Amino acid sequence: MRDEVRKEAAREVAEGYAPQPMDGTVMYGFVGAMLALLGLIAFGAFYDFDLSIHPLEAIAVIATASAVALVLRFIRHRRHATAHRAEYDRISHD
């Protein structure tokens, strides 16, 4: 079996149970930051809490959420690479 065909077959099988992240690290970080910001706005509105007097805490929450999103992307990318490698090895031995 040609190497390109094996790589593509392994990628298709691996995509079924460990999909590759479609967006880049910047998008993951941005989405994590925006979700944290929306959560902070909802928190402030629900508890009648003024976030403008606590900017450092708000920035810390947003930065932490962005970092968590980046770690999630790294984990998903590594999981896909491991699955692709395992499927490639399995196909080459069949």
PDB file of N, CA and C in Angstrom:
ATOM      1  N   MET A   1       0.864  -1.181   0.000  1.00  0.00           N
ATOM      2  CA  MET A   1       0.000   0.000   0.000  1.00  0.00           C
ATOM      3  C   MET A   1       0.904   1.235   0.000  1.00  0.00           C
ATOM      4  N   ARG A   2       0.583   2.176  -0.863  1.00  0.00           N
ATOM      5  CA  ARG A   2       1.396   3.393  -0.934  1.00  0.00           C
ATOM      6  C   ARG A   2       1.290   4.182   0.355  1.00  0.00           C
ATOM      7  N   ASP A   3       2.350   4.914   0.644  1.00  0.00           N
ATOM      8  CA  ASP A   3       2.428   5.664   1.894  1.00  0.00           C
ATOM      9  C   ASP A   3       1.344   6.733   1.981  1.00  0.00           C
ATOM     10  N   GLU A   4       1.078   7.446   0.885  1.00  0.00           N
ATOM     11  CA  GLU A   4       0.051   8.502   0.908  1.00  0.00           C
ATOM     12  C   GLU A   4      -1.336   7.925   1.155  1.00  0.00           C
ATOM     13  N   VAL A   5      -1.601   6.781   0.563  1.00  0.00           N
ATOM     14  CA  VAL A   5      -2.900   6.130   0.740  1.00  0.00           C
ATOM     15  C   VAL A   5      -3.054   5.663   2.180  1.00  0.00           C
ATOM     16  N   ARG A   6      -1.982   5.098   2.746  1.00  0.00           N
ATOM     17  CA  ARG A   6      -2.032   4.667   4.144  1.00  0.00           C
ATOM     18  C   ARG A   6      -2.234   5.841   5.079  1.00  0.00           C
ATOM     19  N   LYS A   7      -1.536   6.951   4.821  1.00  0.00           N
ATOM     20  CA  LYS A   7      -1.697   8.135   5.667  1.00  0.00           C
ATOM     21  C   LYS A   7      -3.124   8.654   5.619  1.00  0.00           C
ATOM     22  N   GLU A   8      -3.701   8.718   4.433  1.00  0.00           N
ATOM     23  CA  GLU A   8      -5.067   9.229   4.296  1.00  0.00           C
ATOM     24  C   GLU A   8      -6.078   8.286   4.945  1.00  0.00           C
ATOM     25  N   ALA A   9      -5.891   6.988   4.762  1.00  0.00           N
ATOM     26  CA  ALA A   9      -6.799   6.017   5.391  1.00  0.00           C
ATOM     27  C   ALA A   9      -6.699   6.101   6.910  1.00  0.00           C
ATOM     28  N   ALA A  10      -5.487   6.237   7.425  1.00  0.00           N
ATOM     29  CA  ALA A  10      -5.307   6.361   8.872  1.00  0.00           C
ATOM     30  C   ALA A  10      -5.936   7.643   9.381  1.00  0.00           C
ATOM     31  N   ARG A  11      -5.809   8.734   8.639  1.00  0.00           N
ATOM     32  CA  ARG A  11      -6.392  10.006   9.054  1.00  0.00           C
ATOM     33  C   ARG A  11      -7.916   9.928   9.093  1.00  0.00           C
ATOM     34  N   GLU A  12      -8.513   9.287   8.108  1.00  0.00           N
ATOM     35  CA  GLU A  12      -9.973   9.160   8.082  1.00  0.00           C
ATOM     36  C   GLU A  12     -10.484   8.355   9.277  1.00  0.00           C
ATOM     37  N   VAL A  13      -9.817   7.265   9.603  1.00  0.00           N
ATOM     38  CA  VAL A  13     -10.242   6.448  10.736  1.00  0.00           C
ATOM     39  C   VAL A  13     -10.036   7.222  12.041  1.00  0.00           C
ATOM     40  N   ALA A  14      -8.898   7.886  12.170  1.00  0.00           N
ATOM     41  CA  ALA A  14      -8.602   8.644  13.398  1.00  0.00           C
ATOM     42  C   ALA A  14      -9.568   9.810  13.580  1.00  0.00           C
ATOM     43  N   GLU A  15     -10.011  10.416  12.498  1.00  0.00           N
ATOM     44  CA  GLU A  15     -10.973  11.523  12.591  1.00  0.00           C
ATOM     45  C   GLU A  15     -12.285  11.077  13.217  1.00  0.00           C
ATOM     46  N   GLY A  16     -12.605   9.803  13.106  1.00  0.00           N
ATOM     47  CA  GLY A  16     -13.848   9.288  13.667  1.00  0.00           C
ATOM     48  C   GLY A  16     -13.898   9.335  15.181  1.00  0.00           C
ATOM     49  N   TYR A  17     -12.775   9.097  15.844  1.00  0.00           N
ATOM     50  CA  TYR A  17     -12.804   9.065  17.301  1.00  0.00           C
ATOM     51  C   TYR A  17     -11.886  10.089  17.956  1.00  0.00           C
ATOM     52  N   ALA A  18     -11.037  10.753  17.196  1.00  0.00           N
ATOM     53  CA  ALA A  18     -10.171  11.811  17.744  1.00  0.00           C
ATOM     54  C   ALA A  18     -10.013  12.893  16.688  1.00  0.00           C
ATOM     55  N   PRO A  19     -11.056  13.705  16.469  1.00  0.00           N
ATOM     56  CA  PRO A  19     -10.984  14.698  15.399  1.00  0.00           C
ATOM     57  C   PRO A  19      -9.906  15.749  15.655  1.00  0.00           C
ATOM     58  N   GLN A  20      -9.304  16.172  14.556  1.00  0.00           N
ATOM     59  CA  GLN A  20      -8.276  17.203  14.633  1.00  0.00           C
ATOM     60  C   GLN A  20      -8.934  18.558  14.865  1.00  0.00           C
ATOM     61  N   PRO A  21      -8.361  19.402  15.730  1.00  0.00           N
ATOM     62  CA  PRO A  21      -8.927  20.739  15.925  1.00  0.00           C
ATOM     63  C   PRO A  21      -8.892  21.517  14.612  1.00  0.00           C
ATOM     64  N   MET A  22     -10.013  22.104  14.253  1.00  0.00           N
ATOM     65  CA  MET A  22     -10.099  22.805  12.978  1.00  0.00           C
ATOM     66  C   MET A  22      -9.578  24.237  13.068  1.00  0.00           C
ATOM     67  N   ASP A  23      -9.642  24.842  14.225  1.00  0.00           N
ATOM     68  CA  ASP A  23      -9.212  26.222  14.379  1.00  0.00           C
ATOM     69  C   ASP A  23      -7.815  26.275  14.981  1.00  0.00           C
ATOM     70  N   GLY A  24      -7.178  27.427  14.823  1.00  0.00           N
ATOM     71  CA  GLY A  24      -5.836  27.618  15.330  1.00  0.00           C
ATOM     72  C   GLY A  24      -5.817  28.025  16.792  1.00  0.00           C
ATOM     73  N   THR A  25      -4.627  28.212  17.309  1.00  0.00           N
ATOM     74  CA  THR A  25      -4.477  28.558  18.709  1.00  0.00           C
ATOM     75  C   THR A  25      -5.046  29.933  19.019  1.00  0.00           C
ATOM     76  N   VAL A  26      -4.935  30.861  18.079  1.00  0.00           N
ATOM     77  CA  VAL A  26      -5.468  32.209  18.314  1.00  0.00           C
ATOM     78  C   VAL A  26      -6.984  32.153  18.482  1.00  0.00           C
ATOM     79  N   MET A  27      -7.654  31.379  17.650  1.00  0.00           N
ATOM     80  CA  MET A  27      -9.111  31.283  17.734  1.00  0.00           C
ATOM     81  C   MET A  27      -9.540  30.594  19.029  1.00  0.00           C
ATOM     82  N   TYR A  28      -8.845  29.556  19.430  1.00  0.00           N
ATOM     83  CA  TYR A  28      -9.169  28.894  20.694  1.00  0.00           C
ATOM     84  C   TYR A  28      -9.015  29.864  21.864  1.00  0.00           C
ATOM     85  N   GLY A  29      -7.917  30.611  21.885  1.00  0.00           N
ATOM     86  CA  GLY A  29      -7.698  31.583  22.951  1.00  0.00           C
ATOM     87  C   GLY A  29      -8.744  32.673  22.953  1.00  0.00           C
ATOM     88  N   PHE A  30      -9.103  33.158  21.761  1.00  0.00           N
ATOM     89  CA  PHE A  30     -10.109  34.216  21.644  1.00  0.00           C
ATOM     90  C   PHE A  30     -11.469  33.732  22.128  1.00  0.00           C
ATOM     91  N   VAL A  31     -11.864  32.551  21.727  1.00  0.00           N
ATOM     92  CA  VAL A  31     -13.164  32.015  22.144  1.00  0.00           C
ATOM     93  C   VAL A  31     -13.189  31.793  23.654  1.00  0.00           C
ATOM     94  N   GLY A  32     -12.105  31.274  24.207  1.00  0.00           N
ATOM     95  CA  GLY A  32     -12.044  31.101  25.658  1.00  0.00           C
ATOM     96  C   GLY A  32     -12.169  32.426  26.389  1.00  0.00           C
ATOM     97  N   ALA A  33     -11.487  33.456  25.884  1.00  0.00           N
ATOM     98  CA  ALA A  33     -11.558  34.782  26.507  1.00  0.00           C
ATOM     99  C   ALA A  33     -12.964  35.368  26.400  1.00  0.00           C
ATOM    100  N   MET A  34     -13.597  35.215  25.253  1.00  0.00           N
ATOM    101  CA  MET A  34     -14.943  35.779  25.077  1.00  0.00           C
ATOM    102  C   MET A  34     -15.969  35.045  25.937  1.00  0.00           C
ATOM    103  N   LEU A  35     -15.837  33.735  26.061  1.00  0.00           N
ATOM    104  CA  LEU A  35     -16.749  32.995  26.938  1.00  0.00           C
ATOM    105  C   LEU A  35     -16.581  33.433  28.391  1.00  0.00           C
ATOM    106  N   ALA A  36     -15.338  33.664  28.805  1.00  0.00           N
ATOM    107  CA  ALA A  36     -15.100  34.142  30.163  1.00  0.00           C
ATOM    108  C   ALA A  36     -15.680  35.535  30.350  1.00  0.00           C
ATOM    109  N   LEU A  37     -15.512  36.391  29.353  1.00  0.00           N
ATOM    110  CA  LEU A  37     -16.066  37.744  29.442  1.00  0.00           C
ATOM    111  C   LEU A  37     -17.588  37.712  29.543  1.00  0.00           C
ATOM    112  N   LEU A  38     -18.223  36.886  28.722  1.00  0.00           N
ATOM    113  CA  LEU A  38     -19.682  36.761  28.812  1.00  0.00           C
ATOM    114  C   LEU A  38     -20.108  36.210  30.166  1.00  0.00           C
ATOM    115  N   GLY A  39     -19.348  35.252  30.678  1.00  0.00           N
ATOM    116  CA  GLY A  39     -19.648  34.722  32.008  1.00  0.00           C
ATOM    117  C   GLY A  39     -19.500  35.777  33.088  1.00  0.00           C
ATOM    118  N   LEU A  40     -18.467  36.611  32.982  1.00  0.00           N
ATOM    119  CA  LEU A  40     -18.283  37.691  33.955  1.00  0.00           C
ATOM    120  C   LEU A  40     -19.408  38.727  33.867  1.00  0.00           C
ATOM    121  N   ILE A  41     -19.842  39.031  32.662  1.00  0.00           N
ATOM    122  CA  ILE A  41     -20.942  39.980  32.496  1.00  0.00           C
ATOM    123  C   ILE A  41     -22.220  39.415  33.107  1.00  0.00           C
ATOM    124  N   ALA A  42     -22.489  38.132  32.855  1.00  0.00           N
ATOM    125  CA  ALA A  42     -23.678  37.506  33.438  1.00  0.00           C
ATOM    126  C   ALA A  42     -23.577  37.459  34.957  1.00  0.00           C
ATOM    127  N   PHE A  43     -22.403  37.131  35.465  1.00  0.00           N
ATOM    128  CA  PHE A  43     -22.182  37.108  36.910  1.00  0.00           C
ATOM    129  C   PHE A  43     -22.425  38.486  37.513  1.00  0.00           C
ATOM    130  N   GLY A  44     -21.871  39.503  36.876  1.00  0.00           N
ATOM    131  CA  GLY A  44     -22.044  40.870  37.370  1.00  0.00           C
ATOM    132  C   GLY A  44     -23.492  41.323  37.334  1.00  0.00           C
ATOM    133  N   ALA A  45     -24.200  40.963  36.278  1.00  0.00           N
ATOM    134  CA  ALA A  45     -25.605  41.351  36.169  1.00  0.00           C
ATOM    135  C   ALA A  45     -26.474  40.604  37.185  1.00  0.00           C
ATOM    136  N   PHE A  46     -26.201  39.327  37.372  1.00  0.00           N
ATOM    137  CA  PHE A  46     -27.018  38.531  38.279  1.00  0.00           C
ATOM    138  C   PHE A  46     -26.824  38.954  39.739  1.00  0.00           C
ATOM    139  N   TYR A  47     -25.596  39.184  40.137  1.00  0.00           N
ATOM    140  CA  TYR A  47     -25.306  39.526  41.525  1.00  0.00           C
ATOM    141  C   TYR A  47     -25.189  41.028  41.767  1.00  0.00           C
ATOM    142  N   ASP A  48     -25.500  41.826  40.751  1.00  0.00           N
ATOM    143  CA  ASP A  48     -25.403  43.281  40.840  1.00  0.00           C
ATOM    144  C   ASP A  48     -24.013  43.685  41.341  1.00  0.00           C
ATOM    145  N   PHE A  49     -23.021  43.159  40.632  1.00  0.00           N
ATOM    146  CA  PHE A  49     -21.617  43.318  41.002  1.00  0.00           C
ATOM    147  C   PHE A  49     -20.931  44.147  39.915  1.00  0.00           C
ATOM    148  N   ASP A  50     -20.304  45.245  40.297  1.00  0.00           N
ATOM    149  CA  ASP A  50     -19.641  46.119  39.332  1.00  0.00           C
ATOM    150  C   ASP A  50     -18.223  45.619  39.070  1.00  0.00           C
ATOM    151  N   LEU A  51     -18.011  45.079  37.868  1.00  0.00           N
ATOM    152  CA  LEU A  51     -16.704  44.536  37.515  1.00  0.00           C
ATOM    153  C   LEU A  51     -15.679  45.623  37.206  1.00  0.00           C
ATOM    154  N   SER A  52     -16.139  46.836  36.949  1.00  0.00           N
ATOM    155  CA  SER A  52     -15.197  47.898  36.601  1.00  0.00           C
ATOM    156  C   SER A  52     -14.337  48.322  37.791  1.00  0.00           C
ATOM    157  N   ILE A  53     -14.761  48.002  39.011  1.00  0.00           N
ATOM    158  CA  ILE A  53     -13.934  48.350  40.163  1.00  0.00           C
ATOM    159  C   ILE A  53     -12.958  47.224  40.515  1.00  0.00           C
ATOM    160  N   HIS A  54     -13.054  46.095  39.796  1.00  0.00           N
ATOM    161  CA  HIS A  54     -12.143  44.959  39.989  1.00  0.00           C
ATOM    162  C   HIS A  54     -11.550  44.536  38.639  1.00  0.00           C
ATOM    163  N   PRO A  55     -10.815  45.412  37.968  1.00  0.00           N
ATOM    164  CA  PRO A  55     -10.314  45.057  36.624  1.00  0.00           C
ATOM    165  C   PRO A  55      -9.249  43.962  36.642  1.00  0.00           C
ATOM    166  N   LEU A  56      -8.408  43.935  37.664  1.00  0.00           N
ATOM    167  CA  LEU A  56      -7.365  42.911  37.698  1.00  0.00           C
ATOM    168  C   LEU A  56      -7.942  41.516  37.848  1.00  0.00           C
ATOM    169  N   GLU A  57      -8.976  41.395  38.666  1.00  0.00           N
ATOM    170  CA  GLU A  57      -9.621  40.097  38.830  1.00  0.00           C
ATOM    171  C   GLU A  57     -10.291  39.654  37.530  1.00  0.00           C
ATOM    172  N   ALA A  58     -10.929  40.609  36.844  1.00  0.00           N
ATOM    173  CA  ALA A  58     -11.576  40.290  35.569  1.00  0.00           C
ATOM    174  C   ALA A  58     -10.535  39.861  34.532  1.00  0.00           C
ATOM    175  N   ILE A  59      -9.432  40.568  34.473  1.00  0.00           N
ATOM    176  CA  ILE A  59      -8.365  40.211  33.532  1.00  0.00           C
ATOM    177  C   ILE A  59      -7.780  38.845  33.875  1.00  0.00           C
ATOM    178  N   ALA A  60      -7.627  38.562  35.151  1.00  0.00           N
ATOM    179  CA  ALA A  60      -7.096  37.264  35.564  1.00  0.00           C
ATOM    180  C   ALA A  60      -8.027  36.128  35.151  1.00  0.00           C
ATOM    181  N   VAL A  61      -9.330  36.329  35.304  1.00  0.00           N
ATOM    182  CA  VAL A  61     -10.294  35.295  34.908  1.00  0.00           C
ATOM    183  C   VAL A  61     -10.259  35.090  33.396  1.00  0.00           C
ATOM    184  N   ILE A  62     -10.205  36.172  32.637  1.00  0.00           N
ATOM    185  CA  ILE A  62     -10.177  36.077  31.181  1.00  0.00           C
ATOM    186  C   ILE A  62      -8.884  35.418  30.712  1.00  0.00           C
ATOM    187  N   ALA A  63      -7.757  35.779  31.301  1.00  0.00           N
ATOM    188  CA  ALA A  63      -6.478  35.175  30.915  1.00  0.00           C
ATOM    189  C   ALA A  63      -6.446  33.693  31.264  1.00  0.00           C
ATOM    190  N   THR A  64      -7.003  33.329  32.403  1.00  0.00           N
ATOM    191  CA  THR A  64      -7.043  31.925  32.797  1.00  0.00           C
ATOM    192  C   THR A  64      -7.919  31.118  31.844  1.00  0.00           C
ATOM    193  N   ALA A  65      -9.054  31.664  31.472  1.00  0.00           N
ATOM    194  CA  ALA A  65      -9.937  30.964  30.538  1.00  0.00           C
ATOM    195  C   ALA A  65      -9.270  30.814  29.172  1.00  0.00           C
ATOM    196  N   SER A  66      -8.550  31.815  28.745  1.00  0.00           N
ATOM    197  CA  SER A  66      -7.832  31.732  27.482  1.00  0.00           C
ATOM    198  C   SER A  66      -6.750  30.663  27.543  1.00  0.00           C
ATOM    199  N   ALA A  67      -6.028  30.605  28.650  1.00  0.00           N
ATOM    200  CA  ALA A  67      -4.993  29.590  28.816  1.00  0.00           C
ATOM    201  C   ALA A  67      -5.595  28.183  28.849  1.00  0.00           C
ATOM    202  N   VAL A  68      -6.727  28.032  29.497  1.00  0.00           N
ATOM    203  CA  VAL A  68      -7.400  26.726  29.544  1.00  0.00           C
ATOM    204  C   VAL A  68      -7.822  26.303  28.138  1.00  0.00           C
ATOM    205  N   ALA A  69      -8.315  27.244  27.346  1.00  0.00           N
ATOM    206  CA  ALA A  69      -8.707  26.935  25.967  1.00  0.00           C
ATOM    207  C   ALA A  69      -7.493  26.520  25.142  1.00  0.00           C
ATOM    208  N   LEU A  70      -6.360  27.159  25.351  1.00  0.00           N
ATOM    209  CA  LEU A  70      -5.146  26.785  24.627  1.00  0.00           C
ATOM    210  C   LEU A  70      -4.666  25.388  25.025  1.00  0.00           C
ATOM    211  N   VAL A  71      -4.771  25.065  26.297  1.00  0.00           N
ATOM    212  CA  VAL A  71      -4.399  23.724  26.758  1.00  0.00           C
ATOM    213  C   VAL A  71      -5.350  22.687  26.157  1.00  0.00           C
ATOM    214  N   LEU A  72      -6.636  23.026  26.070  1.00  0.00           N
ATOM    215  CA  LEU A  72      -7.608  22.122  25.454  1.00  0.00           C
ATOM    216  C   LEU A  72      -7.244  21.852  23.996  1.00  0.00           C
ATOM    217  N   ARG A  73      -6.849  22.880  23.269  1.00  0.00           N
ATOM    218  CA  ARG A  73      -6.461  22.693  21.873  1.00  0.00           C
ATOM    219  C   ARG A  73      -5.219  21.816  21.773  1.00  0.00           C
ATOM    220  N   PHE A  74      -4.251  22.039  22.658  1.00  0.00           N
ATOM    221  CA  PHE A  74      -3.043  21.227  22.657  1.00  0.00           C
ATOM    222  C   PHE A  74      -3.380  19.758  22.916  1.00  0.00           C
ATOM    223  N   ILE A  75      -4.257  19.499  23.871  1.00  0.00           N
ATOM    224  CA  ILE A  75      -4.648  18.125  24.197  1.00  0.00           C
ATOM    225  C   ILE A  75      -5.370  17.481  23.021  1.00  0.00           C
ATOM    226  N   ARG A  76      -6.279  18.217  22.408  1.00  0.00           N
ATOM    227  CA  ARG A  76      -7.017  17.665  21.262  1.00  0.00           C
ATOM    228  C   ARG A  76      -6.084  17.383  20.086  1.00  0.00           C
ATOM    229  N   HIS A  77      -5.123  18.277  19.851  1.00  0.00           N
ATOM    230  CA  HIS A  77      -4.178  18.072  18.754  1.00  0.00           C
ATOM    231  C   HIS A  77      -3.288  16.853  19.026  1.00  0.00           C
ATOM    232  N   ARG A  78      -2.811  16.724  20.258  1.00  0.00           N
ATOM    233  CA  ARG A  78      -1.967  15.585  20.611  1.00  0.00           C
ATOM    234  C   ARG A  78      -2.749  14.279  20.529  1.00  0.00           C
ATOM    235  N   ARG A  79      -4.012  14.308  20.978  1.00  0.00           N
ATOM    236  CA  ARG A  79      -4.841  13.105  20.910  1.00  0.00           C
ATOM    237  C   ARG A  79      -5.049  12.667  19.457  1.00  0.00           C
ATOM    238  N   HIS A  80      -5.268  13.634  18.568  1.00  0.00           N
ATOM    239  CA  HIS A  80      -5.437  13.306  17.154  1.00  0.00           C
ATOM    240  C   HIS A  80      -4.140  12.736  16.571  1.00  0.00           C
ATOM    241  N   ALA A  81      -3.003  13.350  16.899  1.00  0.00           N
ATOM    242  CA  ALA A  81      -1.730  12.863  16.373  1.00  0.00           C
ATOM    243  C   ALA A  81      -1.440  11.442  16.847  1.00  0.00           C
ATOM    244  N   THR A  82      -1.746  11.155  18.104  1.00  0.00           N
ATOM    245  CA  THR A  82      -1.542   9.811  18.639  1.00  0.00           C
ATOM    246  C   THR A  82      -2.461   8.807  17.956  1.00  0.00           C
ATOM    247  N   ALA A  83      -3.715   9.175  17.742  1.00  0.00           N
ATOM    248  CA  ALA A  83      -4.666   8.286  17.075  1.00  0.00           C
ATOM    249  C   ALA A  83      -4.244   8.045  15.630  1.00  0.00           C
ATOM    250  N   HIS A  84      -3.781   9.094  14.953  1.00  0.00           N
ATOM    251  CA  HIS A  84      -3.351   8.948  13.563  1.00  0.00           C
ATOM    252  C   HIS A  84      -2.147   8.008  13.480  1.00  0.00           C
ATOM    253  N   ARG A  85      -1.200   8.166  14.377  1.00  0.00           N
ATOM    254  CA  ARG A  85      -0.015   7.312  14.395  1.00  0.00           C
ATOM    255  C   ARG A  85      -0.406   5.855  14.664  1.00  0.00           C
ATOM    256  N   ALA A  86      -1.330   5.642  15.610  1.00  0.00           N
ATOM    257  CA  ALA A  86      -1.763   4.283  15.936  1.00  0.00           C
ATOM    258  C   ALA A  86      -2.484   3.639  14.758  1.00  0.00           C
ATOM    259  N   GLU A  87      -3.337   4.395  14.102  1.00  0.00           N
ATOM    260  CA  GLU A  87      -4.054   3.855  12.943  1.00  0.00           C
ATOM    261  C   GLU A  87      -3.104   3.597  11.779  1.00  0.00           C
ATOM    262  N   TYR A  88      -2.135   4.460  11.598  1.00  0.00           N
ATOM    263  CA  TYR A  88      -1.139   4.264  10.531  1.00  0.00           C
ATOM    264  C   TYR A  88      -0.357   2.983  10.776  1.00  0.00           C
ATOM    265  N   ASP A  89       0.058   2.752  12.011  1.00  0.00           N
ATOM    266  CA  ASP A  89       0.772   1.525  12.345  1.00  0.00           C
ATOM    267  C   ASP A  89      -0.113   0.301  12.175  1.00  0.00           C
ATOM    268  N   ARG A  90      -1.383   0.428  12.567  1.00  0.00           N
ATOM    269  CA  ARG A  90      -2.315  -0.704  12.448  1.00  0.00           C
ATOM    270  C   ARG A  90      -2.542  -1.048  10.981  1.00  0.00           C
ATOM    271  N   ILE A  91      -2.716  -0.026  10.145  1.00  0.00           N
ATOM    272  CA  ILE A  91      -2.951  -0.271   8.717  1.00  0.00           C
ATOM    273  C   ILE A  91      -1.717  -0.866   8.056  1.00  0.00           C
ATOM    274  N   SER A  92      -0.542  -0.445   8.456  1.00  0.00           N
ATOM    275  CA  SER A  92       0.682  -0.948   7.826  1.00  0.00           C
ATOM    276  C   SER A  92       0.930  -2.418   8.180  1.00  0.00           C
ATOM    277  N   HIS A  93       0.406  -2.880   9.323  1.00  0.00           N
ATOM    278  CA  HIS A  93       0.612  -4.271   9.731  1.00  0.00           C
ATOM    279  C   HIS A  93      -0.463  -5.196   9.196  1.00  0.00           C
ATOM    280  N   ASP A  94      -1.573  -4.633   8.733  1.00  0.00           N
ATOM    281  CA  ASP A  94      -2.666  -5.481   8.218  1.00  0.00           C
ATOM    282  C   ASP A  94      -2.343  -6.061   6.865  1.00  0.00           C
TER     283      ASP A  94
END
